[in-house]
């Protein structure tokens, strides 16, 4: 009958039915995984944008402090 007995084939069939049967569990799982990656990437972009804004604000503050310090030094 071949290399495998009927029990081997039944176990293989059960594994295939569990993995691929029942309404596309694998495709739904991969879709959820894809959505998770997409959300992760968008949150990373938002985080980078907020970091860039914070750096720009810090640069503006440091320029103002330097201007005030140089004005005070010129007055002295």
PDB file of N, CA and C in Angstrom:
ATOM      1  N   UNK A   1       0.817  -1.185   0.000  1.00  0.00           N
ATOM      2  CA  UNK A   1       0.000   0.000   0.000  1.00  0.00           C
ATOM      3  C   UNK A   1       0.867   1.256   0.000  1.00  0.00           C
ATOM      4  N   UNK A   2       2.140   1.136   0.027  1.00  0.00           N
ATOM      5  CA  UNK A   2       2.998   2.297  -0.012  1.00  0.00           C
ATOM      6  C   UNK A   2       3.821   2.400   1.259  1.00  0.00           C
ATOM      7  N   UNK A   3       4.475   3.527   1.411  1.00  0.00           N
ATOM      8  CA  UNK A   3       5.367   3.730   2.528  1.00  0.00           C
ATOM      9  C   UNK A   3       4.622   4.034   3.822  1.00  0.00           C
ATOM     10  N   UNK A   4       3.427   4.578   3.725  1.00  0.00           N
ATOM     11  CA  UNK A   4       2.691   4.975   4.919  1.00  0.00           C
ATOM     12  C   UNK A   4       1.448   4.119   5.104  1.00  0.00           C
ATOM     13  N   UNK A   5       1.087   3.910   6.347  1.00  0.00           N
ATOM     14  CA  UNK A   5      -0.141   3.164   6.635  1.00  0.00           C
ATOM     15  C   UNK A   5      -1.324   4.119   6.612  1.00  0.00           C
ATOM     16  N   UNK A   6      -2.495   3.574   6.790  1.00  0.00           N
ATOM     17  CA  UNK A   6      -3.718   4.379   6.780  1.00  0.00           C
ATOM     18  C   UNK A   6      -3.719   5.394   7.927  1.00  0.00           C
ATOM     19  N   UNK A   7      -3.119   5.049   9.047  1.00  0.00           N
ATOM     20  CA  UNK A   7      -3.085   5.966  10.194  1.00  0.00           C
ATOM     21  C   UNK A   7      -2.231   7.199   9.906  1.00  0.00           C
ATOM     22  N   UNK A   8      -1.135   6.995   9.207  1.00  0.00           N
ATOM     23  CA  UNK A   8      -0.298   8.133   8.818  1.00  0.00           C
ATOM     24  C   UNK A   8      -1.074   9.092   7.923  1.00  0.00           C
ATOM     25  N   UNK A   9      -1.782   8.518   6.934  1.00  0.00           N
ATOM     26  CA  UNK A   9      -2.551   9.364   6.027  1.00  0.00           C
ATOM     27  C   UNK A   9      -3.688  10.080   6.751  1.00  0.00           C
ATOM     28  N   UNK A  10      -4.310   9.442   7.719  1.00  0.00           N
ATOM     29  CA  UNK A  10      -5.381  10.083   8.490  1.00  0.00           C
ATOM     30  C   UNK A  10      -4.843  11.248   9.327  1.00  0.00           C
ATOM     31  N   UNK A  11      -3.671  11.062   9.896  1.00  0.00           N
ATOM     32  CA  UNK A  11      -3.066  12.142  10.679  1.00  0.00           C
ATOM     33  C   UNK A  11      -2.708  13.313   9.766  1.00  0.00           C
ATOM     34  N   UNK A  12      -2.124  13.031   8.602  1.00  0.00           N
ATOM     35  CA  UNK A  12      -1.788  14.079   7.645  1.00  0.00           C
ATOM     36  C   UNK A  12      -3.051  14.803   7.191  1.00  0.00           C
ATOM     37  N   UNK A  13      -4.104  14.071   6.925  1.00  0.00           N
ATOM     38  CA  UNK A  13      -5.367  14.670   6.517  1.00  0.00           C
ATOM     39  C   UNK A  13      -5.933  15.554   7.627  1.00  0.00           C
ATOM     40  N   UNK A  14      -5.858  15.106   8.862  1.00  0.00           N
ATOM     41  CA  UNK A  14      -6.358  15.899   9.989  1.00  0.00           C
ATOM     42  C   UNK A  14      -5.564  17.202  10.125  1.00  0.00           C
ATOM     43  N   UNK A  15      -4.258  17.146   9.977  1.00  0.00           N
ATOM     44  CA  UNK A  15      -3.434  18.350  10.063  1.00  0.00           C
ATOM     45  C   UNK A  15      -3.778  19.321   8.939  1.00  0.00           C
ATOM     46  N   UNK A  16      -3.962  18.813   7.734  1.00  0.00           N
ATOM     47  CA  UNK A  16      -4.315  19.664   6.590  1.00  0.00           C
ATOM     48  C   UNK A  16      -5.678  20.316   6.816  1.00  0.00           C
ATOM     49  N   UNK A  17      -6.639  19.573   7.316  1.00  0.00           N
ATOM     50  CA  UNK A  17      -7.973  20.134   7.574  1.00  0.00           C
ATOM     51  C   UNK A  17      -7.905  21.191   8.666  1.00  0.00           C
ATOM     52  N   UNK A  18      -7.113  20.953   9.696  1.00  0.00           N
ATOM     53  CA  UNK A  18      -6.997  21.940  10.786  1.00  0.00           C
ATOM     54  C   UNK A  18      -6.338  23.220  10.272  1.00  0.00           C
ATOM     55  N   UNK A  19      -5.275  23.091   9.465  1.00  0.00           N
ATOM     56  CA  UNK A  19      -4.557  24.269   8.998  1.00  0.00           C
ATOM     57  C   UNK A  19      -5.322  25.037   7.926  1.00  0.00           C
ATOM     58  N   UNK A  20      -5.883  24.349   6.956  1.00  0.00           N
ATOM     59  CA  UNK A  20      -6.440  25.029   5.794  1.00  0.00           C
ATOM     60  C   UNK A  20      -7.968  25.006   5.736  1.00  0.00           C
ATOM     61  N   UNK A  21      -8.594  24.271   6.587  1.00  0.00           N
ATOM     62  CA  UNK A  21     -10.048  24.191   6.542  1.00  0.00           C
ATOM     63  C   UNK A  21     -10.711  25.186   7.463  1.00  0.00           C
ATOM     64  N   UNK A  22     -11.997  25.277   7.380  1.00  0.00           N
ATOM     65  CA  UNK A  22     -12.765  26.078   8.324  1.00  0.00           C
ATOM     66  C   UNK A  22     -12.768  27.560   8.070  1.00  0.00           C
ATOM     67  N   UNK A  23     -13.046  27.991   6.872  1.00  0.00           N
ATOM     68  CA  UNK A  23     -13.266  29.407   6.617  1.00  0.00           C
ATOM     69  C   UNK A  23     -12.020  30.246   6.444  1.00  0.00           C
ATOM     70  N   UNK A  24     -10.942  29.707   5.983  1.00  0.00           N
ATOM     71  CA  UNK A  24      -9.757  30.497   5.678  1.00  0.00           C
ATOM     72  C   UNK A  24      -9.074  31.067   6.901  1.00  0.00           C
ATOM     73  N   UNK A  25      -8.796  30.236   7.867  1.00  0.00           N
ATOM     74  CA  UNK A  25      -8.146  30.711   9.093  1.00  0.00           C
ATOM     75  C   UNK A  25      -6.764  31.288   8.807  1.00  0.00           C
ATOM     76  N   UNK A  26      -6.019  30.640   7.938  1.00  0.00           N
ATOM     77  CA  UNK A  26      -4.669  31.099   7.623  1.00  0.00           C
ATOM     78  C   UNK A  26      -4.719  32.456   6.920  1.00  0.00           C
ATOM     79  N   UNK A  27      -5.618  32.607   5.946  1.00  0.00           N
ATOM     80  CA  UNK A  27      -5.682  33.878   5.229  1.00  0.00           C
ATOM     81  C   UNK A  27      -6.136  34.999   6.158  1.00  0.00           C
ATOM     82  N   UNK A  28      -7.041  34.709   7.072  1.00  0.00           N
ATOM     83  CA  UNK A  28      -7.488  35.711   8.042  1.00  0.00           C
ATOM     84  C   UNK A  28      -6.340  36.075   8.984  1.00  0.00           C
ATOM     85  N   UNK A  29      -5.587  35.079   9.398  1.00  0.00           N
ATOM     86  CA  UNK A  29      -4.447  35.309  10.278  1.00  0.00           C
ATOM     87  C   UNK A  29      -3.390  36.161   9.582  1.00  0.00           C
ATOM     88  N   UNK A  30      -3.098  35.864   8.318  1.00  0.00           N
ATOM     89  CA  UNK A  30      -2.109  36.640   7.577  1.00  0.00           C
ATOM     90  C   UNK A  30      -2.620  38.053   7.308  1.00  0.00           C
ATOM     91  N   UNK A  31      -3.918  38.213   7.097  1.00  0.00           N
ATOM     92  CA  UNK A  31      -4.480  39.547   6.927  1.00  0.00           C
ATOM     93  C   UNK A  31      -4.316  40.378   8.184  1.00  0.00           C
ATOM     94  N   UNK A  32      -4.565  39.768   9.337  1.00  0.00           N
ATOM     95  CA  UNK A  32      -4.373  40.467  10.608  1.00  0.00           C
ATOM     96  C   UNK A  32      -2.905  40.833  10.819  1.00  0.00           C
ATOM     97  N   UNK A  33      -2.018  39.945  10.425  1.00  0.00           N
ATOM     98  CA  UNK A  33      -0.581  40.205  10.531  1.00  0.00           C
ATOM     99  C   UNK A  33      -0.189  41.390   9.640  1.00  0.00           C
ATOM    100  N   UNK A  34      -0.722  41.426   8.429  1.00  0.00           N
ATOM    101  CA  UNK A  34      -0.440  42.530   7.518  1.00  0.00           C
ATOM    102  C   UNK A  34      -0.946  43.858   8.059  1.00  0.00           C
ATOM    103  N   UNK A  35      -2.144  43.849   8.644  1.00  0.00           N
ATOM    104  CA  UNK A  35      -2.694  45.071   9.236  1.00  0.00           C
ATOM    105  C   UNK A  35      -1.821  45.540  10.398  1.00  0.00           C
ATOM    106  N   UNK A  36      -1.330  44.600  11.179  1.00  0.00           N
ATOM    107  CA  UNK A  36      -0.460  44.945  12.290  1.00  0.00           C
ATOM    108  C   UNK A  36       0.828  45.600  11.810  1.00  0.00           C
ATOM    109  N   UNK A  37       1.422  45.053  10.749  1.00  0.00           N
ATOM    110  CA  UNK A  37       2.638  45.649  10.187  1.00  0.00           C
ATOM    111  C   UNK A  37       2.369  47.045   9.654  1.00  0.00           C
ATOM    112  N   UNK A  38       1.227  47.208   8.983  1.00  0.00           N
ATOM    113  CA  UNK A  38       0.878  48.510   8.425  1.00  0.00           C
ATOM    114  C   UNK A  38       0.698  49.538   9.538  1.00  0.00           C
ATOM    115  N   UNK A  39       0.018  49.159  10.616  1.00  0.00           N
ATOM    116  CA  UNK A  39      -0.162  50.066  11.747  1.00  0.00           C
ATOM    117  C   UNK A  39       1.171  50.398  12.407  1.00  0.00           C
ATOM    118  N   UNK A  40       2.047  49.415  12.516  1.00  0.00           N
ATOM    119  CA  UNK A  40       3.368  49.636  13.105  1.00  0.00           C
ATOM    120  C   UNK A  40       4.158  50.646  12.288  1.00  0.00           C
ATOM    121  N   UNK A  41       4.154  50.479  10.961  1.00  0.00           N
ATOM    122  CA  UNK A  41       4.897  51.396  10.101  1.00  0.00           C
ATOM    123  C   UNK A  41       4.343  52.809  10.204  1.00  0.00           C
ATOM    124  N   UNK A  42       3.013  52.948  10.218  1.00  0.00           N
ATOM    125  CA  UNK A  42       2.438  54.290  10.295  1.00  0.00           C
ATOM    126  C   UNK A  42       2.738  54.947  11.641  1.00  0.00           C
ATOM    127  N   UNK A  43       2.739  54.167  12.708  1.00  0.00           N
ATOM    128  CA  UNK A  43       3.061  54.760  14.011  1.00  0.00           C
ATOM    129  C   UNK A  43       4.535  55.144  14.087  1.00  0.00           C
ATOM    130  N   UNK A  44       5.404  54.401  13.426  1.00  0.00           N
ATOM    131  CA  UNK A  44       6.821  54.773  13.394  1.00  0.00           C
ATOM    132  C   UNK A  44       7.010  56.081  12.624  1.00  0.00           C
ATOM    133  N   UNK A  45       6.274  56.262  11.516  1.00  0.00           N
ATOM    134  CA  UNK A  45       6.370  57.502  10.756  1.00  0.00           C
ATOM    135  C   UNK A  45       5.864  58.674  11.585  1.00  0.00           C
ATOM    136  N   UNK A  46       4.764  58.482  12.320  1.00  0.00           N
ATOM    137  CA  UNK A  46       4.231  59.538  13.178  1.00  0.00           C
ATOM    138  C   UNK A  46       5.237  59.892  14.272  1.00  0.00           C
ATOM    139  N   UNK A  47       5.886  58.881  14.816  1.00  0.00           N
ATOM    140  CA  UNK A  47       6.877  59.106  15.864  1.00  0.00           C
ATOM    141  C   UNK A  47       8.057  59.902  15.316  1.00  0.00           C
ATOM    142  N   UNK A  48       8.512  59.573  14.113  1.00  0.00           N
ATOM    143  CA  UNK A  48       9.614  60.315  13.503  1.00  0.00           C
ATOM    144  C   UNK A  48       9.206  61.761  13.244  1.00  0.00           C
ATOM    145  N   UNK A  49       7.971  61.965  12.796  1.00  0.00           N
ATOM    146  CA  UNK A  49       7.498  63.322  12.521  1.00  0.00           C
ATOM    147  C   UNK A  49       7.435  64.136  13.811  1.00  0.00           C
ATOM    148  N   UNK A  50       6.956  63.537  14.882  1.00  0.00           N
ATOM    149  CA  UNK A  50       6.884  64.265  16.146  1.00  0.00           C
ATOM    150  C   UNK A  50       8.285  64.543  16.691  1.00  0.00           C
ATOM    151  N   UNK A  51       9.228  63.634  16.483  1.00  0.00           N
ATOM    152  CA  UNK A  51      10.617  63.873  16.895  1.00  0.00           C
ATOM    153  C   UNK A  51      11.229  65.020  16.096  1.00  0.00           C
ATOM    154  N   UNK A  52      10.928  65.066  14.793  1.00  0.00           N
ATOM    155  CA  UNK A  52      11.444  66.158  13.961  1.00  0.00           C
ATOM    156  C   UNK A  52      10.868  67.496  14.413  1.00  0.00           C
ATOM    157  N   UNK A  53       9.580  67.522  14.761  1.00  0.00           N
ATOM    158  CA  UNK A  53       8.965  68.749  15.249  1.00  0.00           C
ATOM    159  C   UNK A  53       9.587  69.181  16.572  1.00  0.00           C
ATOM    160  N   UNK A  54       9.831  68.229  17.448  1.00  0.00           N
ATOM    161  CA  UNK A  54      10.437  68.545  18.743  1.00  0.00           C
ATOM    162  C   UNK A  54      11.850  69.090  18.551  1.00  0.00           C
ATOM    163  N   UNK A  55      12.609  68.523  17.626  1.00  0.00           N
ATOM    164  CA  UNK A  55      13.954  69.015  17.352  1.00  0.00           C
ATOM    165  C   UNK A  55      13.910  70.434  16.799  1.00  0.00           C
ATOM    166  N   UNK A  56      12.930  70.713  15.933  1.00  0.00           N
ATOM    167  CA  UNK A  56      12.806  72.054  15.368  1.00  0.00           C
ATOM    168  C   UNK A  56      12.469  73.062  16.461  1.00  0.00           C
ATOM    169  N   UNK A  57      11.585  72.693  17.377  1.00  0.00           N
ATOM    170  CA  UNK A  57      11.224  73.580  18.485  1.00  0.00           C
ATOM    171  C   UNK A  57      12.429  73.820  19.384  1.00  0.00           C
ATOM    172  N   UNK A  58      13.176  72.770  19.680  1.00  0.00           N
ATOM    173  CA  UNK A  58      14.378  72.911  20.504  1.00  0.00           C
ATOM    174  C   UNK A  58      15.403  73.818  19.823  1.00  0.00           C
ATOM    175  N   UNK A  59      15.542  73.696  18.502  1.00  0.00           N
ATOM    176  CA  UNK A  59      16.493  74.529  17.769  1.00  0.00           C
ATOM    177  C   UNK A  59      16.067  75.993  17.836  1.00  0.00           C
ATOM    178  N   UNK A  60      14.758  76.252  17.706  1.00  0.00           N
ATOM    179  CA  UNK A  60      14.267  77.627  17.802  1.00  0.00           C
ATOM    180  C   UNK A  60      14.530  78.210  19.191  1.00  0.00           C
ATOM    181  N   UNK A  61      14.301  77.419  20.219  1.00  0.00           N
ATOM    182  CA  UNK A  61      14.545  77.887  21.590  1.00  0.00           C
ATOM    183  C   UNK A  61      16.018  78.182  21.808  1.00  0.00           C
ATOM    184  N   UNK A  62      16.887  77.312  21.318  1.00  0.00           N
ATOM    185  CA  UNK A  62      18.321  77.541  21.518  1.00  0.00           C
ATOM    186  C   UNK A  62      18.791  78.774  20.753  1.00  0.00           C
ATOM    187  N   UNK A  63      18.209  79.037  19.576  1.00  0.00           N
ATOM    188  CA  UNK A  63      18.554  80.246  18.829  1.00  0.00           C
ATOM    189  C   UNK A  63      18.125  81.485  19.598  1.00  0.00           C
ATOM    190  N   UNK A  64      16.946  81.443  20.215  1.00  0.00           N
ATOM    191  CA  UNK A  64      16.466  82.584  20.994  1.00  0.00           C
ATOM    192  C   UNK A  64      17.364  82.827  22.200  1.00  0.00           C
ATOM    193  N   UNK A  65      17.783  81.755  22.861  1.00  0.00           N
ATOM    194  CA  UNK A  65      18.661  81.885  24.031  1.00  0.00           C
ATOM    195  C   UNK A  65      20.003  82.462  23.608  1.00  0.00           C
ATOM    196  N   UNK A  66      20.544  81.997  22.488  1.00  0.00           N
ATOM    197  CA  UNK A  66      21.820  82.521  22.003  1.00  0.00           C
ATOM    198  C   UNK A  66      21.702  84.004  21.651  1.00  0.00           C
ATOM    199  N   UNK A  67      20.573  84.388  21.057  1.00  0.00           N
ATOM    200  CA  UNK A  67      20.358  85.791  20.702  1.00  0.00           C
ATOM    201  C   UNK A  67      20.280  86.652  21.947  1.00  0.00           C
ATOM    202  N   UNK A  68      19.546  86.183  22.948  1.00  0.00           N
ATOM    203  CA  UNK A  68      19.430  86.924  24.201  1.00  0.00           C
ATOM    204  C   UNK A  68      20.798  87.022  24.873  1.00  0.00           C
ATOM    205  N   UNK A  69      21.550  85.955  24.900  1.00  0.00           N
ATOM    206  CA  UNK A  69      22.888  85.951  25.530  1.00  0.00           C
ATOM    207  C   UNK A  69      23.834  86.903  24.797  1.00  0.00           C
ATOM    208  N   UNK A  70      23.777  86.906  23.463  1.00  0.00           N
ATOM    209  CA  UNK A  70      24.671  87.797  22.719  1.00  0.00           C
ATOM    210  C   UNK A  70      24.254  89.250  22.907  1.00  0.00           C
ATOM    211  N   UNK A  71      22.940  89.514  23.014  1.00  0.00           N
ATOM    212  CA  UNK A  71      22.475  90.879  23.294  1.00  0.00           C
ATOM    213  C   UNK A  71      22.949  91.355  24.665  1.00  0.00           C
ATOM    214  N   UNK A  72      22.882  90.476  25.644  1.00  0.00           N
ATOM    215  CA  UNK A  72      23.319  90.837  26.997  1.00  0.00           C
ATOM    216  C   UNK A  72      24.835  91.045  27.015  1.00  0.00           C
ATOM    217  N   UNK A  73      25.560  90.258  26.286  1.00  0.00           N
ATOM    218  CA  UNK A  73      27.011  90.417  26.237  1.00  0.00           C
ATOM    219  C   UNK A  73      27.388  91.715  25.533  1.00  0.00           C
ATOM    220  N   UNK A  74      26.632  92.105  24.521  1.00  0.00           N
ATOM    221  CA  UNK A  74      26.915  93.343  23.802  1.00  0.00           C
ATOM    222  C   UNK A  74      26.629  94.552  24.689  1.00  0.00           C
ATOM    223  N   UNK A  75      25.637  94.477  25.543  1.00  0.00           N
ATOM    224  CA  UNK A  75      25.268  95.574  26.437  1.00  0.00           C
ATOM    225  C   UNK A  75      26.302  95.742  27.550  1.00  0.00           C
ATOM    226  N   UNK A  76      26.983  94.676  27.902  1.00  0.00           N
ATOM    227  CA  UNK A  76      27.945  94.732  29.019  1.00  0.00           C
ATOM    228  C   UNK A  76      29.211  95.391  28.674  1.00  0.00           C
TER     229      UNK A  76
END
